[in-house]
Amino acid sequence: MDLALMDWLNLVLRWSHLIVGIAWIGSSFYFVWQDNSLEATADDPERKRLQGEIWMVHGGGFYHARKYKVAPPDLPPHLHWFKWEAYTTWMSGMSLLVVVYYLSGPAFLLPLGSELGYLGGIAVGLGSLIGGWVVYDLLCRSPLGKDDRILALSVVVFIAVLTYVLTHVLSGRAAFLHVGATLGTIMAANVLHVIMPNQRKIVAAMQAGETPDPIWGLKGKQRSVHNTFVTLPVLFLMVSNHYPGLTEHPYSWLVLLAVAAIGAAVRLAFVLRHTGRMKPWMLPACLVAFLAVIGATAATRDLGGPPLSAPLAEGEEAAPDTLEPVVMAIVAARCQTCHARQPTYEGFDEPPKGVVLETPADLRHWAGPVLVQAVHGETMPLGNLTEIRPEERVLLGQWLENKTEGNEQ
């Protein structure tokens, strides 16, 4: 696919994903707040039929909402279903994942020197999404699902194992995004396979003149609660690919789990706040925990981890390349100020997006992004601070295109 077209596709999908994601998470937050803010109604003080009601004012208008414990005595002529926010968020996110990680070559998907192979990396990525939902759903349907706390602990353990595996198989960025995509898949599948079918069962029972089974609503509510606690961790994972200090950290899997846990704790605090049960120490404790993660991350940054440059395989000899020294001199002068293990550009403690360009192997690995950003798009270096010349871009492009086509002349 044309590189410029790929860039546009990336932008449009990212923008769309952001828009529909705001709609989905916004409606989720609203309904959780509403559920936890209900008050007893005057015509049903013992809450035999109604869960409660709430009065609201917004945008110059007044709103009155009621929630039934199971269902109203009669169905209204028009019933609004909240589903497309979830479906479009997942579809746009999945499309973005395919464009960024499955159609752009192995540079962003696999770590340098990975023996897994491009197709193997794609298989691992897709397997994490499908397998993640299957395992989670089985846990919910098992006897563990009868106790919300035990179920939550089981799901957390499963996500921790998945995180550890992905951060040791995929690149840092890809691992974080695939953990987020797995959680997003679970959220959307909850809507598609549990919440919506159970709501349809309730409506069908009412239309048939039958009393709906309360268990349908309770099961849907359980999955909905799971979804709301996952939202902040998923949002963190959505933006994590911009921060190589996290994704490329030697203990990135622990960083991911720690920040995700803090996000879930913040969400819990706000849910409890709706009912007046939030303790004053909860949010400060989350802040202290977050500061502790920041400190621990900085202190352990240099303790090891995967190499940032791919060494030659045992017995492999570098082929003679007359253009290579010229190209590496260009990269050293124009790119390595930022894209080095230890950037020298003021304010950069980590190479942007984890892209290191110190060796020919590095340059070949990141060929796709470099061609898009520095050769064809001319957006790198930023503001052309290192004053790369047009003829240098041409030479860089020629060498990279030869290498990506398998031509070693």
Protein backbone atom coordinates (compact mmCIF):
# COMPACT_ATOMS: atom_id res chain seq x y z
CA MET A 1 0.00 0.00 0.00
CA ASP A 2 1.21 3.54 -0.75
CA LEU A 3 2.98 4.95 2.32
CA ALA A 4 1.14 8.29 2.21
CA LEU A 5 -2.20 6.48 1.92
CA MET A 6 -1.24 4.28 4.88
CA ASP A 7 -0.53 7.40 6.92
CA TRP A 8 -3.95 8.85 6.07
CA LEU A 9 -5.65 5.54 6.88
CA ASN A 10 -3.87 5.48 10.22
CA LEU A 11 -5.04 9.03 11.02
CA VAL A 12 -8.68 8.47 9.99
CA LEU A 13 -8.96 5.21 11.94
CA ARG A 14 -7.29 6.71 15.02
CA TRP A 15 -9.62 9.71 14.93
CA SER A 16 -12.69 7.51 14.44
CA HIS A 17 -11.61 5.21 17.26
CA LEU A 18 -11.24 8.18 19.58
CA ILE A 19 -14.68 9.57 18.70
CA VAL A 20 -16.66 6.35 19.16
CA GLY A 21 -14.57 5.40 22.20
CA ILE A 22 -15.56 8.65 23.90
CA ALA A 23 -19.22 7.87 23.13
CA TRP A 24 -18.97 4.35 24.58
CA ILE A 25 -16.98 5.17 27.70
CA GLY A 26 -19.04 8.30 28.28
CA SER A 27 -22.31 6.35 28.23
CA SER A 28 -20.77 3.67 30.47
CA PHE A 29 -19.66 6.25 33.01
CA TYR A 30 -23.06 7.95 32.89
CA PHE A 31 -25.07 4.80 33.54
CA VAL A 32 -22.76 3.61 36.33
CA TRP A 33 -23.09 7.03 37.96
CA GLN A 34 -26.87 6.91 37.51
CA ASP A 35 -27.14 3.39 38.97
CA ASN A 36 -25.20 4.41 42.05
CA SER A 37 -27.05 7.70 42.54
CA LEU A 38 -30.64 6.39 42.54
CA GLU A 39 -32.96 7.39 45.37
CA ALA A 40 -36.12 5.68 46.60
CA THR A 41 -39.29 6.83 44.81
CA ALA A 42 -42.36 8.19 46.57
CA ASP A 43 -44.71 5.68 44.89
CA ASP A 44 -42.43 2.71 45.65
CA PRO A 45 -40.76 3.50 48.99
CA GLU A 46 -39.84 -0.12 49.75
CA ARG A 47 -38.30 -0.59 46.27
CA LYS A 48 -40.43 -3.62 45.47
CA ARG A 49 -40.71 -2.73 41.81
CA LEU A 50 -38.27 0.13 41.26
CA GLN A 51 -34.56 0.25 41.96
CA GLY A 52 -34.97 3.99 42.33
CA GLU A 53 -35.15 7.28 40.48
CA ILE A 54 -33.03 10.35 39.87
CA TRP A 55 -33.67 13.93 38.87
CA MET A 56 -31.04 15.75 36.81
CA VAL A 57 -30.54 19.16 35.26
CA HIS A 58 -28.30 19.70 32.26
CA GLY A 59 -28.07 22.18 29.43
CA GLY A 60 -31.01 24.22 30.70
CA GLY A 61 -33.36 21.23 30.91
CA PHE A 62 -34.65 18.85 33.62
CA TYR A 63 -34.54 15.06 33.30
CA HIS A 64 -36.28 12.39 35.33
CA ALA A 65 -35.06 8.79 35.09
CA ARG A 66 -36.29 5.64 36.81
CA LYS A 67 -34.73 2.20 36.99
CA TYR A 68 -36.82 -0.96 37.34
CA LYS A 69 -35.45 -3.90 39.28
CA VAL A 70 -36.33 -6.28 36.43
CA ALA A 71 -38.59 -4.62 33.86
CA PRO A 72 -41.50 -2.14 33.62
CA PRO A 73 -45.07 -3.48 33.60
CA ASP A 74 -45.45 -2.47 29.95
CA LEU A 75 -42.94 -1.84 27.18
CA PRO A 76 -42.89 1.69 25.73
CA PRO A 77 -43.39 2.12 21.98
CA HIS A 78 -39.75 3.12 21.55
CA LEU A 79 -36.86 1.62 23.52
CA HIS A 80 -33.33 2.91 22.96
CA TRP A 81 -30.59 0.28 22.93
CA PHE A 82 -26.98 1.18 23.76
CA LYS A 83 -24.86 -1.10 21.60
CA TRP A 84 -23.36 0.61 18.57
CA GLU A 85 -20.99 2.65 20.71
CA ALA A 86 -19.34 -0.59 21.82
CA TYR A 87 -19.35 -2.26 18.41
CA THR A 88 -17.93 0.71 16.50
CA THR A 89 -15.24 1.27 19.12
CA TRP A 90 -14.07 -2.32 18.76
CA MET A 91 -14.27 -2.31 14.95
CA SER A 92 -12.34 0.94 14.59
CA GLY A 93 -9.76 -0.20 17.15
CA MET A 94 -9.31 -3.55 15.43
CA SER A 95 -8.90 -1.84 12.07
CA LEU A 96 -6.27 0.46 13.55
CA LEU A 97 -4.44 -2.51 15.06
CA VAL A 98 -4.35 -4.21 11.66
CA VAL A 99 -3.03 -1.09 9.90
CA VAL A 100 -0.35 -0.25 12.47
CA TYR A 101 0.87 -3.72 13.40
CA TYR A 102 -0.28 -6.25 10.78
CA LEU A 103 0.11 -4.34 7.50
CA SER A 104 3.19 -2.26 8.27
CA GLY A 105 5.78 -5.02 8.54
CA PRO A 106 7.44 -6.45 11.64
CA ALA A 107 9.14 -3.23 12.81
CA PHE A 108 6.48 -2.26 15.35
CA LEU A 109 5.18 -5.78 16.01
CA LEU A 110 8.33 -7.73 16.94
CA PRO A 111 11.43 -6.91 18.96
CA LEU A 112 14.78 -6.67 17.23
CA GLY A 113 16.26 -10.09 16.53
CA SER A 114 12.97 -11.95 17.13
CA GLU A 115 12.90 -15.48 15.71
CA LEU A 116 9.12 -15.64 15.81
CA GLY A 117 8.63 -14.33 12.30
CA TYR A 118 6.15 -11.79 10.96
CA LEU A 119 3.24 -14.23 10.50
CA GLY A 120 4.02 -15.79 13.86
CA GLY A 121 3.78 -12.37 15.49
CA ILE A 122 0.40 -11.75 13.86
CA ALA A 123 -0.79 -15.18 15.04
CA VAL A 124 0.26 -14.36 18.62
CA GLY A 125 -1.52 -10.99 18.43
CA LEU A 126 -4.79 -12.38 17.10
CA GLY A 127 -4.57 -15.37 19.41
CA SER A 128 -4.34 -13.08 22.44
CA LEU A 129 -7.58 -11.33 21.43
CA ILE A 130 -9.56 -14.50 20.76
CA GLY A 131 -8.03 -16.54 23.56
CA GLY A 132 -8.41 -13.67 26.01
CA TRP A 133 -12.17 -13.53 25.48
CA VAL A 134 -12.58 -17.33 25.61
CA VAL A 135 -10.68 -17.69 28.90
CA TYR A 136 -12.43 -14.70 30.49
CA ASP A 137 -15.88 -15.93 29.43
CA LEU A 138 -15.18 -19.43 30.76
CA LEU A 139 -14.11 -17.94 34.09
CA CYS A 140 -17.34 -15.94 34.30
CA ARG A 141 -19.49 -18.96 33.47
CA SER A 142 -17.62 -21.26 35.85
CA PRO A 143 -18.49 -21.65 39.56
CA LEU A 144 -16.00 -18.82 40.19
CA GLY A 145 -18.51 -16.45 38.60
CA LYS A 146 -20.84 -16.87 41.58
CA ASP A 147 -18.48 -14.86 43.79
CA ASP A 148 -17.58 -11.47 42.29
CA ARG A 149 -14.42 -11.08 44.36
CA ILE A 150 -12.98 -14.50 43.52
CA LEU A 151 -13.91 -14.00 39.89
CA ALA A 152 -12.19 -10.59 39.82
CA LEU A 153 -9.03 -12.08 41.34
CA SER A 154 -9.05 -14.91 38.79
CA VAL A 155 -9.40 -12.47 35.89
CA VAL A 156 -6.57 -10.30 37.26
CA VAL A 157 -4.27 -13.35 37.49
CA PHE A 158 -5.13 -14.32 33.92
CA ILE A 159 -4.44 -10.79 32.60
CA ALA A 160 -1.13 -10.75 34.51
CA VAL A 161 -0.04 -14.01 32.85
CA LEU A 162 -1.12 -12.75 29.43
CA THR A 163 0.78 -9.49 29.98
CA TYR A 164 3.96 -11.31 30.97
CA VAL A 165 3.82 -13.55 27.90
CA LEU A 166 3.10 -10.76 25.41
CA THR A 167 5.82 -8.45 26.74
CA HIS A 168 8.33 -11.29 26.27
CA VAL A 169 7.20 -12.20 22.76
CA LEU A 170 6.10 -8.98 21.03
CA SER A 171 7.78 -5.58 20.96
CA GLY A 172 7.06 -3.34 23.93
CA ARG A 173 4.62 -1.13 22.04
CA ALA A 174 2.83 -4.06 20.44
CA ALA A 175 2.55 -5.92 23.74
CA PHE A 176 0.95 -2.96 25.54
CA LEU A 177 -1.46 -2.35 22.66
CA HIS A 178 -2.41 -6.03 22.42
CA VAL A 179 -3.13 -6.25 26.14
CA GLY A 180 -5.35 -3.19 25.70
CA ALA A 181 -6.96 -4.68 22.60
CA THR A 182 -7.64 -7.91 24.49
CA LEU A 183 -9.37 -5.99 27.27
CA GLY A 184 -11.28 -3.98 24.66
CA THR A 185 -12.33 -7.20 22.93
CA ILE A 186 -13.58 -8.58 26.25
CA MET A 187 -15.57 -5.40 26.84
CA ALA A 188 -17.18 -5.43 23.39
CA ALA A 189 -17.84 -9.17 23.53
CA ASN A 190 -19.55 -8.71 26.89
CA VAL A 191 -21.98 -6.37 25.17
CA LEU A 192 -22.46 -8.58 22.11
CA HIS A 193 -22.64 -12.02 23.74
CA VAL A 194 -24.05 -11.38 27.23
CA ILE A 195 -25.53 -7.94 27.90
CA MET A 196 -27.50 -7.53 24.67
CA PRO A 197 -28.79 -11.16 24.44
CA ASN A 198 -29.97 -11.02 28.05
CA GLN A 199 -31.73 -7.72 27.42
CA ARG A 200 -33.43 -9.28 24.39
CA LYS A 201 -34.58 -12.20 26.55
CA ILE A 202 -36.18 -9.76 28.99
CA VAL A 203 -37.98 -7.91 26.18
CA ALA A 204 -39.10 -11.17 24.52
CA ALA A 205 -40.50 -12.46 27.83
CA MET A 206 -42.48 -9.27 28.34
CA GLN A 207 -43.84 -9.38 24.81
CA ALA A 208 -44.97 -12.95 25.47
CA GLY A 209 -46.75 -11.88 28.65
CA GLU A 210 -44.24 -13.69 30.86
CA THR A 211 -42.27 -12.50 33.88
CA PRO A 212 -38.60 -12.03 32.97
CA ASP A 213 -36.04 -14.02 34.94
CA PRO A 214 -34.06 -11.58 37.16
CA ILE A 215 -30.88 -13.62 36.56
CA TRP A 216 -30.68 -12.27 32.99
CA GLY A 217 -30.34 -8.73 34.24
CA LEU A 218 -27.92 -9.72 37.02
CA LYS A 219 -25.57 -11.48 34.60
CA GLY A 220 -25.63 -8.51 32.27
CA LYS A 221 -24.97 -6.18 35.19
CA GLN A 222 -21.96 -8.26 36.27
CA ARG A 223 -20.35 -7.90 32.84
CA SER A 224 -21.22 -4.20 32.72
CA VAL A 225 -19.45 -3.62 36.05
CA HIS A 226 -16.38 -5.45 34.71
CA ASN A 227 -16.43 -3.16 31.69
CA THR A 228 -16.49 0.03 33.70
CA PHE A 229 -13.49 -0.98 35.85
CA VAL A 230 -11.48 -1.84 32.76
CA THR A 231 -12.04 1.53 31.04
CA LEU A 232 -9.21 3.51 32.66
CA PRO A 233 -6.61 0.73 32.18
CA VAL A 234 -7.65 0.46 28.52
CA LEU A 235 -7.33 4.23 28.04
CA PHE A 236 -3.83 4.08 29.52
CA LEU A 237 -2.88 1.26 27.14
CA MET A 238 -4.32 3.19 24.17
CA VAL A 239 -1.85 6.04 24.69
CA SER A 240 1.07 3.98 26.03
CA ASN A 241 2.72 3.54 22.62
CA HIS A 242 3.87 7.17 22.79
CA TYR A 243 6.02 6.48 25.86
CA PRO A 244 8.98 4.14 25.21
CA GLY A 245 10.21 4.69 28.75
CA LEU A 246 7.30 2.44 29.76
CA THR A 247 6.92 0.05 26.84
CA GLU A 248 10.66 -0.63 26.54
CA HIS A 249 11.34 -0.85 30.26
CA PRO A 250 13.06 -4.12 31.29
CA TYR A 251 10.11 -4.79 33.61
CA SER A 252 7.46 -3.40 31.30
CA TRP A 253 4.95 -6.10 32.26
CA LEU A 254 5.08 -5.00 35.91
CA VAL A 255 4.79 -1.35 34.89
CA LEU A 256 1.73 -2.17 32.80
CA LEU A 257 0.03 -4.13 35.57
CA ALA A 258 0.84 -1.51 38.21
CA VAL A 259 -0.55 1.43 36.24
CA ALA A 260 -3.61 -0.60 35.17
CA ALA A 261 -4.30 -1.53 38.80
CA ILE A 262 -4.05 2.12 39.84
CA GLY A 263 -6.46 3.07 37.04
CA ALA A 264 -8.97 0.47 38.22
CA ALA A 265 -8.59 1.73 41.80
CA VAL A 266 -9.28 5.31 40.71
CA ARG A 267 -12.40 4.11 38.91
CA LEU A 268 -13.51 2.25 42.05
CA ALA A 269 -13.06 5.41 44.10
CA PHE A 270 -15.28 7.40 41.77
CA VAL A 271 -17.93 4.65 41.69
CA LEU A 272 -17.99 4.66 45.49
CA ARG A 273 -18.15 8.45 45.48
CA HIS A 274 -21.52 8.22 43.71
CA THR A 275 -22.98 6.54 46.80
CA GLY A 276 -21.06 8.59 49.35
CA ARG A 277 -18.93 5.57 50.34
CA MET A 278 -15.60 6.80 48.99
CA LYS A 279 -13.05 7.10 51.79
CA PRO A 280 -10.98 10.34 51.93
CA TRP A 281 -7.72 8.38 51.68
CA MET A 282 -8.56 6.51 48.45
CA LEU A 283 -7.52 9.02 45.78
CA PRO A 284 -4.44 10.21 47.72
CA ALA A 285 -3.42 6.55 48.07
CA CYS A 286 -3.74 6.13 44.30
CA LEU A 287 -1.55 9.20 43.79
CA VAL A 288 1.09 7.86 46.20
CA ALA A 289 1.03 4.50 44.41
CA PHE A 290 1.43 6.23 41.06
CA LEU A 291 4.39 8.26 42.31
CA ALA A 292 5.92 5.04 43.65
CA VAL A 293 5.58 3.43 40.20
CA ILE A 294 7.27 6.45 38.62
CA GLY A 295 10.13 6.25 41.09
CA ALA A 296 10.53 2.48 40.73
CA THR A 297 10.46 2.75 36.95
CA ALA A 298 13.23 5.35 36.93
CA ALA A 299 15.35 3.39 39.43
CA THR A 300 15.15 0.11 37.49
CA ARG A 301 15.40 1.47 33.95
CA ASP A 302 19.01 0.32 33.45
CA LEU A 303 18.79 -3.11 35.11
CA GLY A 304 18.67 -5.03 31.85
CA GLY A 305 16.11 -6.21 29.34
CA PRO A 306 16.09 -6.95 25.63
CA PRO A 307 18.83 -5.33 23.52
CA LEU A 308 17.87 -2.21 21.62
CA SER A 309 20.01 -3.26 18.65
CA ALA A 310 19.89 -6.58 16.83
CA PRO A 311 23.33 -8.28 16.69
CA LEU A 312 24.44 -10.38 13.77
CA ALA A 313 23.50 -14.04 14.04
CA GLU A 314 26.26 -16.49 14.93
CA GLY A 315 28.45 -17.06 11.88
CA GLU A 316 26.77 -14.24 9.94
CA GLU A 317 29.01 -11.80 8.14
CA ALA A 318 27.96 -8.37 7.05
CA ALA A 319 27.86 -8.11 3.25
CA PRO A 320 30.01 -5.35 1.72
CA ASP A 321 27.94 -2.30 1.00
CA THR A 322 29.55 0.78 -0.48
CA LEU A 323 26.57 3.00 0.33
CA GLU A 324 26.19 1.82 3.89
CA PRO A 325 28.98 3.96 5.46
CA VAL A 326 27.57 7.06 3.77
CA VAL A 327 24.05 6.29 4.97
CA MET A 328 25.20 5.57 8.53
CA ALA A 329 27.11 8.86 8.57
CA ILE A 330 23.89 10.65 7.56
CA VAL A 331 21.94 8.85 10.27
CA ALA A 332 24.60 9.61 12.88
CA ALA A 333 24.54 13.31 12.05
CA ARG A 334 20.83 13.79 11.44
CA CYS A 335 18.96 11.13 13.45
CA GLN A 336 20.96 9.80 16.37
CA THR A 337 20.63 13.00 18.36
CA CYS A 338 17.22 11.62 19.36
CA HIS A 339 17.20 8.04 18.11
CA ALA A 340 20.00 6.57 20.20
CA ARG A 341 20.10 4.48 23.35
CA GLN A 342 21.13 7.62 25.19
CA PRO A 343 19.73 10.60 23.25
CA THR A 344 21.78 13.78 23.42
CA TYR A 345 18.90 16.09 22.48
CA GLU A 346 17.83 18.12 25.50
CA GLY A 347 14.68 16.79 27.15
CA PHE A 348 14.87 13.29 25.64
CA ASP A 349 15.70 10.58 28.18
CA GLU A 350 14.49 7.80 25.87
CA PRO A 351 14.52 7.39 22.09
CA PRO A 352 11.11 8.50 20.71
CA LYS A 353 8.77 5.52 20.28
CA GLY A 354 11.66 3.23 21.19
CA VAL A 355 13.22 3.70 17.75
CA VAL A 356 17.01 3.30 17.96
CA LEU A 357 19.04 3.95 14.78
CA GLU A 358 22.62 3.19 15.80
CA THR A 359 23.47 0.25 13.51
CA PRO A 360 22.60 -0.89 9.97
CA ALA A 361 20.50 -3.65 11.56
CA ASP A 362 18.51 -1.02 13.46
CA LEU A 363 17.96 0.97 10.29
CA ARG A 364 16.77 -2.08 8.34
CA HIS A 365 14.40 -3.04 11.16
CA TRP A 366 12.81 0.43 11.24
CA ALA A 367 12.89 0.85 7.44
CA GLY A 368 9.13 1.35 7.05
CA PRO A 369 8.71 4.15 9.63
CA VAL A 370 11.94 5.86 8.49
CA LEU A 371 10.79 5.85 4.86
CA VAL A 372 7.42 7.32 5.87
CA GLN A 373 8.70 9.93 8.32
CA ALA A 374 12.14 10.96 7.06
CA VAL A 375 12.28 10.14 3.34
CA HIS A 376 8.83 10.53 1.79
CA GLY A 377 6.97 12.52 4.42
CA GLU A 378 9.90 14.74 5.43
CA THR A 379 8.40 15.18 8.89
CA MET A 380 11.57 13.95 10.56
CA PRO A 381 13.78 15.26 11.97
CA LEU A 382 11.26 17.45 13.79
CA GLY A 383 11.38 20.91 12.28
CA ASN A 384 14.50 19.70 10.46
CA LEU A 385 16.52 20.73 13.50
CA THR A 386 19.53 18.73 12.32
CA GLU A 387 19.25 20.27 8.83
CA ILE A 388 19.13 17.08 6.80
CA ARG A 389 19.54 17.89 3.09
CA PRO A 390 17.23 16.66 0.28
CA GLU A 391 20.05 14.66 -1.33
CA GLU A 392 20.67 12.92 1.99
CA ARG A 393 17.02 11.90 2.17
CA VAL A 394 17.35 10.48 -1.36
CA LEU A 395 20.42 8.41 -0.45
CA LEU A 396 18.76 7.18 2.72
CA GLY A 397 15.65 6.19 0.77
CA GLN A 398 17.64 4.38 -1.93
CA TRP A 399 19.55 2.32 0.61
CA LEU A 400 16.46 1.43 2.65
CA GLU A 401 14.38 0.50 -0.39
CA ASN A 402 17.16 -1.77 -1.63
CA LYS A 403 17.35 -3.46 1.75
CA THR A 404 13.61 -3.91 2.16
CA GLU A 405 13.41 -5.43 -1.32
CA GLY A 406 16.09 -7.93 -0.36
CA ASN A 407 18.68 -6.34 -2.68
CA GLU A 408 22.09 -6.41 -0.95
CA GLN A 409 24.07 -4.46 -3.58
